[in-house]
Amino acid sequence: MSDLTFEEFLRVDIRVGVIRRAEPYPEARKPAIKLWIDFGSGIGEKKSSAQITRHYTPESLKDRPVLGVVNFPPRQIGRFVSEVLVLGVPDEEGEVVLLAPDKDVPIGGRVY
């Protein structure tokens, strides 16, 4: 693994968002959930597809804060375009657990 400079890290734009809507995505190759995430007035609402069905249901995700990379190019996932990468960490079984701030912070706040 090579070292990363602080300037390189700053190129990755990680923001706090709030999931406003979530729906099952049964057409995906692997079980997934479609997300509509509000990143505030500067960025707006962005879509994502996440393989998080082991720990989350669409109903449990509404109004949940998350961290997402907002400056990746859109990616076609089946018939759905994913515009952000939602961040998570695998548990002991490799299933994704979403990352979120542990205190209230403004929507759209940037991770430094």
N, C-alpha and C. Protein backbone atom coordinates (compact mmCIF):
# COMPACT_ATOMS: atom_id res chain seq x y z
N MET A 1 0.85 -1.17 0.00
CA MET A 1 0.00 0.00 0.00
C MET A 1 0.90 1.24 0.00
N SER A 2 0.63 2.17 -0.89
CA SER A 2 1.45 3.37 -0.97
C SER A 2 0.86 4.49 -0.11
N ASP A 3 1.73 5.40 0.29
CA ASP A 3 1.29 6.54 1.09
C ASP A 3 0.44 7.48 0.26
N LEU A 4 -0.47 8.13 0.93
CA LEU A 4 -1.38 9.08 0.31
C LEU A 4 -1.08 10.46 0.89
N THR A 5 -0.98 11.45 0.03
CA THR A 5 -0.77 12.80 0.55
C THR A 5 -2.11 13.38 1.00
N PHE A 6 -2.05 14.41 1.85
CA PHE A 6 -3.27 15.06 2.30
C PHE A 6 -4.01 15.69 1.13
N GLU A 7 -3.27 16.24 0.18
CA GLU A 7 -3.89 16.85 -1.01
C GLU A 7 -4.65 15.80 -1.82
N GLU A 8 -4.09 14.61 -1.92
CA GLU A 8 -4.79 13.53 -2.63
C GLU A 8 -6.06 13.12 -1.89
N PHE A 9 -5.98 13.04 -0.56
CA PHE A 9 -7.16 12.71 0.23
C PHE A 9 -8.27 13.73 0.02
N LEU A 10 -7.90 15.01 -0.04
CA LEU A 10 -8.90 16.07 -0.20
C LEU A 10 -9.63 16.00 -1.54
N ARG A 11 -9.06 15.30 -2.51
CA ARG A 11 -9.74 15.14 -3.81
C ARG A 11 -10.98 14.25 -3.67
N VAL A 12 -11.02 13.40 -2.64
CA VAL A 12 -12.18 12.55 -2.38
C VAL A 12 -13.17 13.37 -1.55
N ASP A 13 -14.30 13.70 -2.14
CA ASP A 13 -15.28 14.55 -1.49
C ASP A 13 -16.31 13.69 -0.76
N ILE A 14 -16.09 13.49 0.55
CA ILE A 14 -16.98 12.69 1.38
C ILE A 14 -17.88 13.63 2.15
N ARG A 15 -19.19 13.43 2.03
CA ARG A 15 -20.18 14.32 2.65
C ARG A 15 -21.18 13.54 3.49
N VAL A 16 -21.79 14.27 4.41
CA VAL A 16 -22.88 13.72 5.22
C VAL A 16 -24.19 13.91 4.45
N GLY A 17 -24.92 12.85 4.32
CA GLY A 17 -26.24 12.91 3.69
C GLY A 17 -27.27 12.25 4.57
N VAL A 18 -28.53 12.43 4.20
CA VAL A 18 -29.64 11.78 4.90
C VAL A 18 -30.46 11.02 3.87
N ILE A 19 -30.70 9.75 4.13
CA ILE A 19 -31.51 8.94 3.23
C ILE A 19 -32.95 9.39 3.33
N ARG A 20 -33.50 9.86 2.23
CA ARG A 20 -34.89 10.33 2.20
C ARG A 20 -35.85 9.27 1.70
N ARG A 21 -35.32 8.36 0.86
CA ARG A 21 -36.17 7.32 0.29
C ARG A 21 -35.31 6.09 0.04
N ALA A 22 -35.88 4.91 0.23
CA ALA A 22 -35.18 3.65 -0.02
C ALA A 22 -36.18 2.63 -0.55
N GLU A 23 -35.74 1.89 -1.55
CA GLU A 23 -36.61 0.88 -2.18
C GLU A 23 -35.81 -0.38 -2.45
N PRO A 24 -36.45 -1.53 -2.39
CA PRO A 24 -35.77 -2.77 -2.79
C PRO A 24 -35.31 -2.67 -4.24
N TYR A 25 -34.24 -3.37 -4.56
CA TYR A 25 -33.74 -3.41 -5.94
C TYR A 25 -33.61 -4.87 -6.36
N PRO A 26 -34.75 -5.53 -6.59
CA PRO A 26 -34.71 -6.97 -6.90
C PRO A 26 -34.06 -7.30 -8.24
N GLU A 27 -33.96 -6.33 -9.13
CA GLU A 27 -33.35 -6.58 -10.45
C GLU A 27 -31.82 -6.64 -10.38
N ALA A 28 -31.23 -6.20 -9.29
CA ALA A 28 -29.77 -6.21 -9.15
C ALA A 28 -29.26 -7.64 -9.12
N ARG A 29 -28.03 -7.85 -9.60
CA ARG A 29 -27.43 -9.18 -9.58
C ARG A 29 -27.28 -9.72 -8.16
N LYS A 30 -26.83 -8.85 -7.24
CA LYS A 30 -26.74 -9.20 -5.82
C LYS A 30 -27.79 -8.38 -5.09
N PRO A 31 -28.36 -8.92 -4.02
CA PRO A 31 -29.40 -8.17 -3.30
C PRO A 31 -28.93 -6.76 -2.94
N ALA A 32 -29.75 -5.77 -3.25
CA ALA A 32 -29.37 -4.37 -3.04
C ALA A 32 -30.61 -3.53 -2.71
N ILE A 33 -30.33 -2.32 -2.27
CA ILE A 33 -31.38 -1.34 -1.98
C ILE A 33 -31.06 -0.06 -2.73
N LYS A 34 -32.06 0.51 -3.39
CA LYS A 34 -31.90 1.82 -4.04
C LYS A 34 -32.11 2.91 -2.99
N LEU A 35 -31.23 3.90 -3.01
CA LEU A 35 -31.28 4.99 -2.03
C LEU A 35 -31.36 6.33 -2.73
N TRP A 36 -32.12 7.25 -2.16
CA TRP A 36 -32.15 8.64 -2.58
C TRP A 36 -31.68 9.43 -1.36
N ILE A 37 -30.52 10.08 -1.50
CA ILE A 37 -29.84 10.69 -0.36
C ILE A 37 -29.77 12.20 -0.55
N ASP A 38 -30.19 12.94 0.46
CA ASP A 38 -30.15 14.40 0.47
C ASP A 38 -28.81 14.85 1.04
N PHE A 39 -28.02 15.55 0.21
CA PHE A 39 -26.73 16.09 0.64
C PHE A 39 -26.79 17.60 0.84
N GLY A 40 -27.96 18.16 0.96
CA GLY A 40 -28.10 19.58 1.24
C GLY A 40 -28.14 20.43 -0.02
N SER A 41 -28.28 21.75 0.21
CA SER A 41 -28.51 22.68 -0.90
C SER A 41 -27.35 22.77 -1.88
N GLY A 42 -26.14 22.56 -1.43
CA GLY A 42 -24.99 22.68 -2.35
C GLY A 42 -24.89 21.54 -3.34
N ILE A 43 -25.35 20.36 -2.96
CA ILE A 43 -25.20 19.16 -3.80
C ILE A 43 -26.56 18.62 -4.23
N GLY A 44 -27.52 18.66 -3.32
CA GLY A 44 -28.86 18.17 -3.64
C GLY A 44 -29.02 16.69 -3.39
N GLU A 45 -30.06 16.12 -3.99
CA GLU A 45 -30.36 14.71 -3.83
C GLU A 45 -29.61 13.89 -4.86
N LYS A 46 -29.01 12.80 -4.41
CA LYS A 46 -28.26 11.89 -5.28
C LYS A 46 -28.75 10.47 -5.02
N LYS A 47 -28.62 9.63 -6.03
CA LYS A 47 -29.06 8.23 -5.94
C LYS A 47 -27.86 7.31 -5.73
N SER A 48 -28.13 6.18 -5.08
CA SER A 48 -27.10 5.17 -4.91
C SER A 48 -27.77 3.80 -4.83
N SER A 49 -27.03 2.78 -5.22
CA SER A 49 -27.45 1.40 -5.05
C SER A 49 -26.45 0.76 -4.10
N ALA A 50 -26.95 0.14 -3.03
CA ALA A 50 -26.04 -0.40 -2.02
C ALA A 50 -26.44 -1.84 -1.66
N GLN A 51 -25.43 -2.70 -1.55
CA GLN A 51 -25.64 -4.09 -1.15
C GLN A 51 -25.59 -4.18 0.37
N ILE A 52 -26.69 -3.75 0.98
CA ILE A 52 -26.77 -3.63 2.44
C ILE A 52 -27.98 -4.36 3.02
N THR A 53 -28.49 -5.35 2.29
CA THR A 53 -29.75 -5.99 2.68
C THR A 53 -29.62 -6.90 3.90
N ARG A 54 -28.43 -7.27 4.28
CA ARG A 54 -28.26 -8.16 5.45
C ARG A 54 -28.62 -7.43 6.75
N HIS A 55 -28.23 -6.16 6.86
CA HIS A 55 -28.44 -5.42 8.10
C HIS A 55 -29.56 -4.38 8.03
N TYR A 56 -30.05 -4.09 6.81
CA TYR A 56 -31.00 -2.99 6.67
C TYR A 56 -32.17 -3.39 5.77
N THR A 57 -33.31 -2.79 6.06
CA THR A 57 -34.47 -2.88 5.17
C THR A 57 -34.71 -1.47 4.64
N PRO A 58 -35.42 -1.33 3.54
CA PRO A 58 -35.73 0.02 3.06
C PRO A 58 -36.42 0.87 4.13
N GLU A 59 -37.32 0.26 4.88
CA GLU A 59 -38.05 1.01 5.91
C GLU A 59 -37.13 1.53 7.02
N SER A 60 -36.11 0.77 7.36
CA SER A 60 -35.21 1.16 8.46
C SER A 60 -34.23 2.26 8.05
N LEU A 61 -34.14 2.55 6.77
CA LEU A 61 -33.14 3.51 6.28
C LEU A 61 -33.67 4.95 6.16
N LYS A 62 -34.98 5.12 6.14
CA LYS A 62 -35.54 6.46 5.95
C LYS A 62 -35.08 7.40 7.06
N ASP A 63 -34.58 8.57 6.64
CA ASP A 63 -34.09 9.63 7.53
C ASP A 63 -32.81 9.26 8.29
N ARG A 64 -32.11 8.23 7.84
CA ARG A 64 -30.87 7.82 8.48
C ARG A 64 -29.69 8.59 7.87
N PRO A 65 -28.79 9.14 8.70
CA PRO A 65 -27.61 9.80 8.15
C PRO A 65 -26.61 8.76 7.64
N VAL A 66 -25.88 9.14 6.59
CA VAL A 66 -24.84 8.28 6.00
C VAL A 66 -23.70 9.17 5.50
N LEU A 67 -22.57 8.53 5.23
CA LEU A 67 -21.46 9.21 4.58
C LEU A 67 -21.36 8.68 3.16
N GLY A 68 -21.11 9.59 2.20
CA GLY A 68 -20.99 9.16 0.82
C GLY A 68 -19.97 9.98 0.06
N VAL A 69 -19.33 9.32 -0.90
CA VAL A 69 -18.40 9.99 -1.82
C VAL A 69 -19.25 10.57 -2.94
N VAL A 70 -19.23 11.91 -3.06
CA VAL A 70 -20.13 12.57 -4.01
C VAL A 70 -19.45 12.99 -5.31
N ASN A 71 -18.14 12.75 -5.45
CA ASN A 71 -17.48 13.21 -6.68
C ASN A 71 -16.93 12.08 -7.55
N PHE A 72 -17.55 10.90 -7.45
CA PHE A 72 -17.29 9.84 -8.42
C PHE A 72 -18.22 10.04 -9.60
N PRO A 73 -17.82 9.61 -10.80
CA PRO A 73 -18.76 9.70 -11.92
C PRO A 73 -19.93 8.74 -11.72
N PRO A 74 -21.10 9.05 -12.28
CA PRO A 74 -22.25 8.13 -12.17
C PRO A 74 -21.90 6.76 -12.75
N ARG A 75 -22.52 5.73 -12.17
CA ARG A 75 -22.26 4.36 -12.60
C ARG A 75 -23.58 3.65 -12.85
N GLN A 76 -23.70 3.05 -13.99
CA GLN A 76 -24.90 2.29 -14.35
C GLN A 76 -24.88 0.94 -13.65
N ILE A 77 -25.91 0.68 -12.84
CA ILE A 77 -26.03 -0.60 -12.15
C ILE A 77 -27.38 -1.17 -12.56
N GLY A 78 -27.35 -2.03 -13.57
CA GLY A 78 -28.60 -2.51 -14.15
C GLY A 78 -29.31 -1.35 -14.82
N ARG A 79 -30.57 -1.15 -14.46
CA ARG A 79 -31.34 -0.02 -15.02
C ARG A 79 -31.27 1.22 -14.15
N PHE A 80 -30.48 1.18 -13.11
CA PHE A 80 -30.41 2.26 -12.13
C PHE A 80 -29.04 2.94 -12.22
N VAL A 81 -29.03 4.27 -12.17
CA VAL A 81 -27.77 5.01 -12.19
C VAL A 81 -27.41 5.41 -10.76
N SER A 82 -26.26 4.93 -10.30
CA SER A 82 -25.78 5.25 -8.96
C SER A 82 -24.86 6.47 -9.09
N GLU A 83 -25.17 7.52 -8.33
CA GLU A 83 -24.44 8.79 -8.44
C GLU A 83 -23.45 9.03 -7.30
N VAL A 84 -23.57 8.28 -6.23
CA VAL A 84 -22.66 8.42 -5.09
C VAL A 84 -22.30 7.03 -4.56
N LEU A 85 -21.16 6.96 -3.87
CA LEU A 85 -20.76 5.74 -3.20
C LEU A 85 -21.01 5.91 -1.72
N VAL A 86 -21.94 5.12 -1.19
CA VAL A 86 -22.25 5.14 0.24
C VAL A 86 -21.15 4.34 0.94
N LEU A 87 -20.64 4.88 2.05
CA LEU A 87 -19.52 4.24 2.73
C LEU A 87 -19.97 3.33 3.86
N GLY A 88 -19.28 2.21 3.98
CA GLY A 88 -19.56 1.25 5.03
C GLY A 88 -18.32 0.42 5.31
N VAL A 89 -18.43 -0.40 6.34
CA VAL A 89 -17.36 -1.29 6.75
C VAL A 89 -17.93 -2.69 6.86
N PRO A 90 -17.20 -3.70 6.37
CA PRO A 90 -17.73 -5.06 6.49
C PRO A 90 -17.67 -5.57 7.93
N ASP A 91 -18.71 -6.30 8.31
CA ASP A 91 -18.70 -6.96 9.62
C ASP A 91 -17.87 -8.24 9.50
N GLU A 92 -17.91 -9.08 10.53
CA GLU A 92 -17.11 -10.30 10.53
C GLU A 92 -17.49 -11.27 9.43
N GLU A 93 -18.71 -11.15 8.91
CA GLU A 93 -19.16 -12.02 7.83
C GLU A 93 -19.06 -11.36 6.46
N GLY A 94 -18.46 -10.15 6.41
CA GLY A 94 -18.29 -9.45 5.14
C GLY A 94 -19.50 -8.65 4.71
N GLU A 95 -20.50 -8.51 5.57
CA GLU A 95 -21.71 -7.75 5.25
C GLU A 95 -21.52 -6.29 5.66
N VAL A 96 -21.96 -5.37 4.79
CA VAL A 96 -21.70 -3.95 4.99
C VAL A 96 -22.53 -3.34 6.12
N VAL A 97 -21.83 -2.59 6.97
CA VAL A 97 -22.44 -1.77 8.01
C VAL A 97 -22.15 -0.32 7.64
N LEU A 98 -23.20 0.47 7.49
CA LEU A 98 -23.05 1.85 7.03
C LEU A 98 -22.32 2.73 8.04
N LEU A 99 -21.54 3.69 7.51
CA LEU A 99 -20.86 4.68 8.34
C LEU A 99 -21.71 5.94 8.44
N ALA A 100 -21.71 6.54 9.62
CA ALA A 100 -22.47 7.78 9.85
C ALA A 100 -21.84 8.52 11.02
N PRO A 101 -22.02 9.84 11.08
CA PRO A 101 -21.52 10.58 12.25
C PRO A 101 -22.28 10.15 13.50
N ASP A 102 -21.60 10.24 14.66
CA ASP A 102 -22.27 9.83 15.89
C ASP A 102 -22.91 10.99 16.64
N LYS A 103 -22.86 12.17 16.07
CA LYS A 103 -23.53 13.36 16.62
C LYS A 103 -24.27 14.05 15.47
N ASP A 104 -25.21 14.94 15.81
CA ASP A 104 -25.90 15.71 14.77
C ASP A 104 -24.92 16.68 14.13
N VAL A 105 -24.86 16.64 12.82
CA VAL A 105 -24.03 17.56 12.04
C VAL A 105 -24.86 18.04 10.86
N PRO A 106 -24.48 19.17 10.25
CA PRO A 106 -25.26 19.67 9.11
C PRO A 106 -25.21 18.72 7.91
N ILE A 107 -26.35 18.59 7.25
CA ILE A 107 -26.41 17.84 6.00
C ILE A 107 -25.47 18.51 4.99
N GLY A 108 -24.70 17.71 4.29
CA GLY A 108 -23.76 18.25 3.31
C GLY A 108 -22.39 18.54 3.89
N GLY A 109 -22.23 18.38 5.21
CA GLY A 109 -20.93 18.63 5.83
C GLY A 109 -19.87 17.72 5.24
N ARG A 110 -18.69 18.29 5.03
CA ARG A 110 -17.59 17.56 4.41
C ARG A 110 -16.71 16.89 5.45
N VAL A 111 -16.26 15.68 5.14
CA VAL A 111 -15.33 14.95 6.00
C VAL A 111 -13.92 15.41 5.69
N TYR A 112 -13.18 15.78 6.73
CA TYR A 112 -11.76 16.17 6.58
C TYR A 112 -10.91 15.29 7.45
